[in-house]
Amino acid sequence: MDRKMANRKLIRLSQLKSKLAAENLEEIDWVTFGVILKKVTPQSTNNGRTFSIWRLNDLRDLNQCVSLFLFGDVHKKHWKTDQGTV
């Protein structure tokens, strides 16, 4: 993990909104971690494409969640991932 995190900045999910407002994250090599708190049943768009929505949290502030929308190959590969997975 130390090797993978070398020269990267950890931004907690609960800090993401304030960091996006204060910093230009496009210029920083950063990572975040989250736990899947809730999964919505896969849904379809008007054109028939299926997608998933996950609610993620860093377990530091349970009031600060991020919704992650999964489309295309990412949805196909990961839609069965269990709640509680990091």
PDB file of N, CA and C in Angstrom:
ATOM      1  N   MET A   1       0.819  -1.187   0.000  1.00  0.00           N
ATOM      2  CA  MET A   1       0.000   0.000   0.000  1.00  0.00           C
ATOM      3  C   MET A   1       0.869   1.260   0.000  1.00  0.00           C
ATOM      4  N   ASP A   2       1.991   1.212   0.739  1.00  0.00           N
ATOM      5  CA  ASP A   2       2.900   2.360   0.756  1.00  0.00           C
ATOM      6  C   ASP A   2       3.402   2.683  -0.650  1.00  0.00           C
ATOM      7  N   ARG A   3       3.694   1.661  -1.405  1.00  0.00           N
ATOM      8  CA  ARG A   3       4.185   1.873  -2.772  1.00  0.00           C
ATOM      9  C   ARG A   3       3.100   2.502  -3.651  1.00  0.00           C
ATOM     10  N   LYS A   4       1.876   2.020  -3.529  1.00  0.00           N
ATOM     11  CA  LYS A   4       0.767   2.554  -4.332  1.00  0.00           C
ATOM     12  C   LYS A   4       0.420   3.989  -3.941  1.00  0.00           C
ATOM     13  N   MET A   5       0.624   4.345  -2.676  1.00  0.00           N
ATOM     14  CA  MET A   5       0.263   5.684  -2.189  1.00  0.00           C
ATOM     15  C   MET A   5       1.406   6.689  -2.317  1.00  0.00           C
ATOM     16  N   ALA A   6       2.579   6.239  -2.717  1.00  0.00           N
ATOM     17  CA  ALA A   6       3.731   7.139  -2.822  1.00  0.00           C
ATOM     18  C   ALA A   6       3.408   8.313  -3.733  1.00  0.00           C
ATOM     19  N   ASN A   7       3.696   9.520  -3.255  1.00  0.00           N
ATOM     20  CA  ASN A   7       3.491  10.768  -4.005  1.00  0.00           C
ATOM     21  C   ASN A   7       2.024  11.079  -4.297  1.00  0.00           C
ATOM     22  N   ARG A   8       1.121  10.449  -3.595  1.00  0.00           N
ATOM     23  CA  ARG A   8      -0.307  10.733  -3.753  1.00  0.00           C
ATOM     24  C   ARG A   8      -0.857  11.331  -2.475  1.00  0.00           C
ATOM     25  N   LYS A   9      -1.890  12.132  -2.629  1.00  0.00           N
ATOM     26  CA  LYS A   9      -2.527  12.771  -1.479  1.00  0.00           C
ATOM     27  C   LYS A   9      -3.833  12.044  -1.176  1.00  0.00           C
ATOM     28  N   LEU A  10      -4.023  11.661   0.092  1.00  0.00           N
ATOM     29  CA  LEU A  10      -5.272  11.040   0.528  1.00  0.00           C
ATOM     30  C   LEU A  10      -6.280  12.139   0.851  1.00  0.00           C
ATOM     31  N   ILE A  11      -7.436  12.080   0.224  1.00  0.00           N
ATOM     32  CA  ILE A  11      -8.536  12.991   0.529  1.00  0.00           C
ATOM     33  C   ILE A  11      -9.711  12.138   0.978  1.00  0.00           C
ATOM     34  N   ARG A  12     -10.129  12.347   2.208  1.00  0.00           N
ATOM     35  CA  ARG A  12     -11.266  11.584   2.730  1.00  0.00           C
ATOM     36  C   ARG A  12     -12.547  11.998   2.002  1.00  0.00           C
ATOM     37  N   LEU A  13     -13.450  11.038   1.811  1.00  0.00           N
ATOM     38  CA  LEU A  13     -14.721  11.354   1.158  1.00  0.00           C
ATOM     39  C   LEU A  13     -15.460  12.484   1.870  1.00  0.00           C
ATOM     40  N   SER A  14     -15.390  12.510   3.199  1.00  0.00           N
ATOM     41  CA  SER A  14     -16.088  13.546   3.953  1.00  0.00           C
ATOM     42  C   SER A  14     -15.463  14.927   3.741  1.00  0.00           C
ATOM     43  N   GLN A  15     -14.247  14.989   3.188  1.00  0.00           N
ATOM     44  CA  GLN A  15     -13.574  16.253   2.899  1.00  0.00           C
ATOM     45  C   GLN A  15     -13.670  16.643   1.427  1.00  0.00           C
ATOM     46  N   LEU A  16     -14.190  15.771   0.610  1.00  0.00           N
ATOM     47  CA  LEU A  16     -14.124  15.956  -0.837  1.00  0.00           C
ATOM     48  C   LEU A  16     -14.802  17.246  -1.297  1.00  0.00           C
ATOM     49  N   LYS A  17     -15.976  17.540  -0.792  1.00  0.00           N
ATOM     50  CA  LYS A  17     -16.698  18.741  -1.221  1.00  0.00           C
ATOM     51  C   LYS A  17     -15.902  20.009  -0.920  1.00  0.00           C
ATOM     52  N   SER A  18     -15.367  20.113   0.281  1.00  0.00           N
ATOM     53  CA  SER A  18     -14.602  21.310   0.634  1.00  0.00           C
ATOM     54  C   SER A  18     -13.289  21.377  -0.144  1.00  0.00           C
ATOM     55  N   LYS A  19     -12.658  20.238  -0.395  1.00  0.00           N
ATOM     56  CA  LYS A  19     -11.411  20.219  -1.165  1.00  0.00           C
ATOM     57  C   LYS A  19     -11.656  20.622  -2.617  1.00  0.00           C
ATOM     58  N   LEU A  20     -12.779  20.185  -3.185  1.00  0.00           N
ATOM     59  CA  LEU A  20     -13.104  20.566  -4.562  1.00  0.00           C
ATOM     60  C   LEU A  20     -13.305  22.068  -4.680  1.00  0.00           C
ATOM     61  N   ALA A  21     -13.874  22.678  -3.645  1.00  0.00           N
ATOM     62  CA  ALA A  21     -14.107  24.121  -3.655  1.00  0.00           C
ATOM     63  C   ALA A  21     -12.820  24.908  -3.442  1.00  0.00           C
ATOM     64  N   ALA A  22     -11.881  24.359  -2.692  1.00  0.00           N
ATOM     65  CA  ALA A  22     -10.690  25.112  -2.296  1.00  0.00           C
ATOM     66  C   ALA A  22      -9.455  24.829  -3.156  1.00  0.00           C
ATOM     67  N   GLU A  23      -9.380  23.677  -3.776  1.00  0.00           N
ATOM     68  CA  GLU A  23      -8.171  23.284  -4.502  1.00  0.00           C
ATOM     69  C   GLU A  23      -8.508  22.839  -5.917  1.00  0.00           C
ATOM     70  N   ASN A  24      -7.526  22.939  -6.794  1.00  0.00           N
ATOM     71  CA  ASN A  24      -7.679  22.415  -8.141  1.00  0.00           C
ATOM     72  C   ASN A  24      -7.164  20.980  -8.128  1.00  0.00           C
ATOM     73  N   LEU A  25      -8.078  20.031  -7.907  1.00  0.00           N
ATOM     74  CA  LEU A  25      -7.675  18.630  -7.751  1.00  0.00           C
ATOM     75  C   LEU A  25      -7.203  17.996  -9.055  1.00  0.00           C
ATOM     76  N   GLU A  26      -7.456  18.662 -10.180  1.00  0.00           N
ATOM     77  CA  GLU A  26      -6.973  18.132 -11.449  1.00  0.00           C
ATOM     78  C   GLU A  26      -5.453  18.186 -11.532  1.00  0.00           C
ATOM     79  N   GLU A  27      -4.832  19.034 -10.718  1.00  0.00           N
ATOM     80  CA  GLU A  27      -3.383  19.181 -10.740  1.00  0.00           C
ATOM     81  C   GLU A  27      -2.687  18.342  -9.671  1.00  0.00           C
ATOM     82  N   ILE A  28      -3.463  17.570  -8.895  1.00  0.00           N
ATOM     83  CA  ILE A  28      -2.924  16.779  -7.796  1.00  0.00           C
ATOM     84  C   ILE A  28      -3.207  15.303  -8.065  1.00  0.00           C
ATOM     85  N   ASP A  29      -2.235  14.453  -7.764  1.00  0.00           N
ATOM     86  CA  ASP A  29      -2.449  13.003  -7.836  1.00  0.00           C
ATOM     87  C   ASP A  29      -3.026  12.586  -6.487  1.00  0.00           C
ATOM     88  N   TRP A  30      -4.335  12.349  -6.437  1.00  0.00           N
ATOM     89  CA  TRP A  30      -4.999  12.071  -5.166  1.00  0.00           C
ATOM     90  C   TRP A  30      -5.830  10.803  -5.253  1.00  0.00           C
ATOM     91  N   VAL A  31      -6.112  10.239  -4.081  1.00  0.00           N
ATOM     92  CA  VAL A  31      -6.939   9.041  -3.970  1.00  0.00           C
ATOM     93  C   VAL A  31      -7.935   9.233  -2.836  1.00  0.00           C
ATOM     94  N   THR A  32      -8.964   8.430  -2.870  1.00  0.00           N
ATOM     95  CA  THR A  32      -9.929   8.412  -1.785  1.00  0.00           C
ATOM     96  C   THR A  32     -10.389   6.976  -1.580  1.00  0.00           C
ATOM     97  N   PHE A  33     -10.922   6.704  -0.417  1.00  0.00           N
ATOM     98  CA  PHE A  33     -11.445   5.383  -0.092  1.00  0.00           C
ATOM     99  C   PHE A  33     -12.859   5.556   0.410  1.00  0.00           C
ATOM    100  N   GLY A  34     -13.703   4.597   0.126  1.00  0.00           N
ATOM    101  CA  GLY A  34     -15.067   4.667   0.625  1.00  0.00           C
ATOM    102  C   GLY A  34     -15.632   3.280   0.852  1.00  0.00           C
ATOM    103  N   VAL A  35     -16.621   3.239   1.698  1.00  0.00           N
ATOM    104  CA  VAL A  35     -17.362   2.017   1.991  1.00  0.00           C
ATOM    105  C   VAL A  35     -18.728   2.147   1.323  1.00  0.00           C
ATOM    106  N   ILE A  36     -19.181   1.088   0.672  1.00  0.00           N
ATOM    107  CA  ILE A  36     -20.511   1.112   0.060  1.00  0.00           C
ATOM    108  C   ILE A  36     -21.539   0.964   1.178  1.00  0.00           C
ATOM    109  N   LEU A  37     -22.241   2.062   1.491  1.00  0.00           N
ATOM    110  CA  LEU A  37     -23.276   2.017   2.522  1.00  0.00           C
ATOM    111  C   LEU A  37     -24.610   1.540   1.984  1.00  0.00           C
ATOM    112  N   LYS A  38     -24.905   1.918   0.747  1.00  0.00           N
ATOM    113  CA  LYS A  38     -26.202   1.572   0.172  1.00  0.00           C
ATOM    114  C   LYS A  38     -26.059   1.410  -1.332  1.00  0.00           C
ATOM    115  N   LYS A  39     -26.770   0.432  -1.865  1.00  0.00           N
ATOM    116  CA  LYS A  39     -26.820   0.221  -3.303  1.00  0.00           C
ATOM    117  C   LYS A  39     -28.271   0.318  -3.740  1.00  0.00           C
ATOM    118  N   VAL A  40     -28.517   1.094  -4.767  1.00  0.00           N
ATOM    119  CA  VAL A  40     -29.849   1.174  -5.360  1.00  0.00           C
ATOM    120  C   VAL A  40     -29.954   0.062  -6.398  1.00  0.00           C
ATOM    121  N   THR A  41     -31.114  -0.561  -6.498  1.00  0.00           N
ATOM    122  CA  THR A  41     -31.332  -1.596  -7.509  1.00  0.00           C
ATOM    123  C   THR A  41     -30.974  -1.034  -8.882  1.00  0.00           C
ATOM    124  N   PRO A  42     -30.202  -1.777  -9.697  1.00  0.00           N
ATOM    125  CA  PRO A  42     -29.838  -1.267 -11.023  1.00  0.00           C
ATOM    126  C   PRO A  42     -31.058  -0.751 -11.784  1.00  0.00           C
ATOM    127  N   GLN A  43     -30.840   0.359 -12.482  1.00  0.00           N
ATOM    128  CA  GLN A  43     -31.910   1.024 -13.223  1.00  0.00           C
ATOM    129  C   GLN A  43     -31.517   1.154 -14.680  1.00  0.00           C
ATOM    130  N   SER A  44     -32.487   1.540 -15.514  1.00  0.00           N
ATOM    131  CA  SER A  44     -32.227   1.723 -16.940  1.00  0.00           C
ATOM    132  C   SER A  44     -32.495   3.167 -17.338  1.00  0.00           C
ATOM    133  N   THR A  45     -31.664   3.655 -18.255  1.00  0.00           N
ATOM    134  CA  THR A  45     -31.877   4.983 -18.813  1.00  0.00           C
ATOM    135  C   THR A  45     -32.977   4.895 -19.862  1.00  0.00           C
ATOM    136  N   ASN A  46     -33.374   6.028 -20.402  1.00  0.00           N
ATOM    137  CA  ASN A  46     -34.410   6.052 -21.446  1.00  0.00           C
ATOM    138  C   ASN A  46     -34.000   5.285 -22.693  1.00  0.00           C
ATOM    139  N   ASN A  47     -32.691   5.213 -22.952  1.00  0.00           N
ATOM    140  CA  ASN A  47     -32.238   4.477 -24.134  1.00  0.00           C
ATOM    141  C   ASN A  47     -31.904   3.014 -23.830  1.00  0.00           C
ATOM    142  N   GLY A  48     -32.248   2.543 -22.618  1.00  0.00           N
ATOM    143  CA  GLY A  48     -32.093   1.140 -22.286  1.00  0.00           C
ATOM    144  C   GLY A  48     -30.770   0.738 -21.659  1.00  0.00           C
ATOM    145  N   ARG A  49     -29.876   1.691 -21.433  1.00  0.00           N
ATOM    146  CA  ARG A  49     -28.594   1.367 -20.798  1.00  0.00           C
ATOM    147  C   ARG A  49     -28.801   1.213 -19.296  1.00  0.00           C
ATOM    148  N   THR A  50     -28.231   0.163 -18.721  1.00  0.00           N
ATOM    149  CA  THR A  50     -28.386  -0.117 -17.296  1.00  0.00           C
ATOM    150  C   THR A  50     -27.250   0.534 -16.517  1.00  0.00           C
ATOM    151  N   PHE A  51     -27.572   1.019 -15.321  1.00  0.00           N
ATOM    152  CA  PHE A  51     -26.568   1.635 -14.464  1.00  0.00           C
ATOM    153  C   PHE A  51     -26.894   1.358 -13.009  1.00  0.00           C
ATOM    154  N   SER A  52     -25.905   1.575 -12.144  1.00  0.00           N
ATOM    155  CA  SER A  52     -26.062   1.390 -10.706  1.00  0.00           C
ATOM    156  C   SER A  52     -25.716   2.694  -9.996  1.00  0.00           C
ATOM    157  N   ILE A  53     -26.254   2.843  -8.790  1.00  0.00           N
ATOM    158  CA  ILE A  53     -25.909   3.975  -7.933  1.00  0.00           C
ATOM    159  C   ILE A  53     -25.498   3.418  -6.582  1.00  0.00           C
ATOM    160  N   TRP A  54     -24.323   3.833  -6.123  1.00  0.00           N
ATOM    161  CA  TRP A  54     -23.836   3.450  -4.796  1.00  0.00           C
ATOM    162  C   TRP A  54     -23.715   4.705  -3.952  1.00  0.00           C
ATOM    163  N   ARG A  55     -24.058   4.591  -2.667  1.00  0.00           N
ATOM    164  CA  ARG A  55     -23.806   5.668  -1.710  1.00  0.00           C
ATOM    165  C   ARG A  55     -22.577   5.264  -0.903  1.00  0.00           C
ATOM    166  N   LEU A  56     -21.545   6.096  -0.982  1.00  0.00           N
ATOM    167  CA  LEU A  56     -20.261   5.814  -0.344  1.00  0.00           C
ATOM    168  C   LEU A  56     -20.027   6.750   0.826  1.00  0.00           C
ATOM    169  N   ASN A  57     -19.269   6.260   1.810  1.00  0.00           N
ATOM    170  CA  ASN A  57     -18.939   7.052   2.983  1.00  0.00           C
ATOM    171  C   ASN A  57     -17.580   6.596   3.494  1.00  0.00           C
ATOM    172  N   ASP A  58     -16.870   7.488   4.203  1.00  0.00           N
ATOM    173  CA  ASP A  58     -15.567   7.126   4.764  1.00  0.00           C
ATOM    174  C   ASP A  58     -15.661   6.718   6.237  1.00  0.00           C
ATOM    175  N   LEU A  59     -16.847   6.635   6.775  1.00  0.00           N
ATOM    176  CA  LEU A  59     -17.144   6.243   8.154  1.00  0.00           C
ATOM    177  C   LEU A  59     -16.628   7.246   9.182  1.00  0.00           C
ATOM    178  N   ARG A  60     -16.168   8.392   8.734  1.00  0.00           N
ATOM    179  CA  ARG A  60     -15.747   9.446   9.648  1.00  0.00           C
ATOM    180  C   ARG A  60     -16.937  10.349   9.968  1.00  0.00           C
ATOM    181  N   ASP A  61     -17.728  10.682   8.952  1.00  0.00           N
ATOM    182  CA  ASP A  61     -18.903  11.535   9.114  1.00  0.00           C
ATOM    183  C   ASP A  61     -20.036  10.898   8.310  1.00  0.00           C
ATOM    184  N   LEU A  62     -20.943  10.225   8.997  1.00  0.00           N
ATOM    185  CA  LEU A  62     -22.004   9.484   8.305  1.00  0.00           C
ATOM    186  C   LEU A  62     -23.011  10.386   7.606  1.00  0.00           C
ATOM    187  N   ASN A  63     -22.938  11.703   7.834  1.00  0.00           N
ATOM    188  CA  ASN A  63     -23.818  12.639   7.147  1.00  0.00           C
ATOM    189  C   ASN A  63     -23.252  13.090   5.806  1.00  0.00           C
ATOM    190  N   GLN A  64     -21.998  12.768   5.534  1.00  0.00           N
ATOM    191  CA  GLN A  64     -21.331  13.163   4.296  1.00  0.00           C
ATOM    192  C   GLN A  64     -21.168  11.946   3.391  1.00  0.00           C
ATOM    193  N   CYS A  65     -22.104  11.757   2.481  1.00  0.00           N
ATOM    194  CA  CYS A  65     -22.038  10.633   1.539  1.00  0.00           C
ATOM    195  C   CYS A  65     -21.812  11.152   0.128  1.00  0.00           C
ATOM    196  N   VAL A  66     -21.250  10.297  -0.689  1.00  0.00           N
ATOM    197  CA  VAL A  66     -21.033  10.585  -2.096  1.00  0.00           C
ATOM    198  C   VAL A  66     -21.804   9.543  -2.889  1.00  0.00           C
ATOM    199  N   SER A  67     -22.547   9.988  -3.886  1.00  0.00           N
ATOM    200  CA  SER A  67     -23.241   9.063  -4.780  1.00  0.00           C
ATOM    201  C   SER A  67     -22.353   8.784  -5.976  1.00  0.00           C
ATOM    202  N   LEU A  68     -22.130   7.521  -6.244  1.00  0.00           N
ATOM    203  CA  LEU A  68     -21.300   7.094  -7.362  1.00  0.00           C
ATOM    204  C   LEU A  68     -22.198   6.384  -8.373  1.00  0.00           C
ATOM    205  N   PHE A  69     -22.211   6.879  -9.608  1.00  0.00           N
ATOM    206  CA  PHE A  69     -23.008   6.286 -10.676  1.00  0.00           C
ATOM    207  C   PHE A  69     -22.088   5.422 -11.529  1.00  0.00           C
ATOM    208  N   LEU A  70     -22.477   4.164 -11.744  1.00  0.00           N
ATOM    209  CA  LEU A  70     -21.680   3.227 -12.526  1.00  0.00           C
ATOM    210  C   LEU A  70     -22.396   2.914 -13.829  1.00  0.00           C
ATOM    211  N   PHE A  71     -21.731   3.170 -14.953  1.00  0.00           N
ATOM    212  CA  PHE A  71     -22.297   2.927 -16.273  1.00  0.00           C
ATOM    213  C   PHE A  71     -21.400   1.991 -17.076  1.00  0.00           C
ATOM    214  N   GLY A  72     -21.918   1.469 -18.156  1.00  0.00           N
ATOM    215  CA  GLY A  72     -21.138   0.703 -19.130  1.00  0.00           C
ATOM    216  C   GLY A  72     -20.419  -0.489 -18.541  1.00  0.00           C
ATOM    217  N   ASP A  73     -19.152  -0.650 -18.938  1.00  0.00           N
ATOM    218  CA  ASP A  73     -18.360  -1.800 -18.499  1.00  0.00           C
ATOM    219  C   ASP A  73     -18.137  -1.802 -16.989  1.00  0.00           C
ATOM    220  N   VAL A  74     -18.030  -0.617 -16.389  1.00  0.00           N
ATOM    221  CA  VAL A  74     -17.842  -0.545 -14.931  1.00  0.00           C
ATOM    222  C   VAL A  74     -19.071  -1.113 -14.230  1.00  0.00           C
ATOM    223  N   HIS A  75     -20.251  -0.751 -14.694  1.00  0.00           N
ATOM    224  CA  HIS A  75     -21.482  -1.309 -14.118  1.00  0.00           C
ATOM    225  C   HIS A  75     -21.506  -2.828 -14.301  1.00  0.00           C
ATOM    226  N   LYS A  76     -21.224  -3.294 -15.499  1.00  0.00           N
ATOM    227  CA  LYS A  76     -21.266  -4.736 -15.784  1.00  0.00           C
ATOM    228  C   LYS A  76     -20.306  -5.518 -14.890  1.00  0.00           C
ATOM    229  N   LYS A  77     -19.135  -4.941 -14.650  1.00  0.00           N
ATOM    230  CA  LYS A  77     -18.102  -5.644 -13.876  1.00  0.00           C
ATOM    231  C   LYS A  77     -18.379  -5.604 -12.370  1.00  0.00           C
ATOM    232  N   HIS A  78     -18.976  -4.515 -11.869  1.00  0.00           N
ATOM    233  CA  HIS A  78     -19.032  -4.313 -10.427  1.00  0.00           C
ATOM    234  C   HIS A  78     -20.427  -4.267  -9.802  1.00  0.00           C
ATOM    235  N   TRP A  79     -21.511  -4.413 -10.554  1.00  0.00           N
ATOM    236  CA  TRP A  79     -22.827  -4.196  -9.990  1.00  0.00           C
ATOM    237  C   TRP A  79     -23.179  -5.189  -8.874  1.00  0.00           C
ATOM    238  N   LYS A  80     -22.532  -6.329  -8.828  1.00  0.00           N
ATOM    239  CA  LYS A  80     -22.821  -7.328  -7.800  1.00  0.00           C
ATOM    240  C   LYS A  80     -21.984  -7.134  -6.531  1.00  0.00           C
ATOM    241  N   THR A  81     -21.136  -6.121  -6.494  1.00  0.00           N
ATOM    242  CA  THR A  81     -20.303  -5.866  -5.313  1.00  0.00           C
ATOM    243  C   THR A  81     -21.188  -5.660  -4.089  1.00  0.00           C
ATOM    244  N   ASP A  82     -20.826  -6.286  -2.976  1.00  0.00           N
ATOM    245  CA  ASP A  82     -21.656  -6.253  -1.769  1.00  0.00           C
ATOM    246  C   ASP A  82     -21.561  -4.924  -1.030  1.00  0.00           C
ATOM    247  N   GLN A  83     -22.679  -4.555  -0.381  1.00  0.00           N
ATOM    248  CA  GLN A  83     -22.656  -3.425   0.538  1.00  0.00           C
ATOM    249  C   GLN A  83     -21.650  -3.751   1.636  1.00  0.00           C
ATOM    250  N   GLY A  84     -20.972  -2.732   2.132  1.00  0.00           N
ATOM    251  CA  GLY A  84     -19.962  -2.920   3.163  1.00  0.00           C
ATOM    252  C   GLY A  84     -18.561  -3.099   2.590  1.00  0.00           C
ATOM    253  N   THR A  85     -18.454  -3.251   1.283  1.00  0.00           N
ATOM    254  CA  THR A  85     -17.157  -3.403   0.645  1.00  0.00           C
ATOM    255  C   THR A  85     -16.446  -2.057   0.603  1.00  0.00           C
ATOM    256  N   VAL A  86     -15.130  -2.082   0.796  1.00  0.00           N
ATOM    257  CA  VAL A  86     -14.324  -0.865   0.700  1.00  0.00           C
ATOM    258  C   VAL A  86     -13.834  -0.728  -0.721  1.00  0.00           C
TER     259      VAL A  86
END
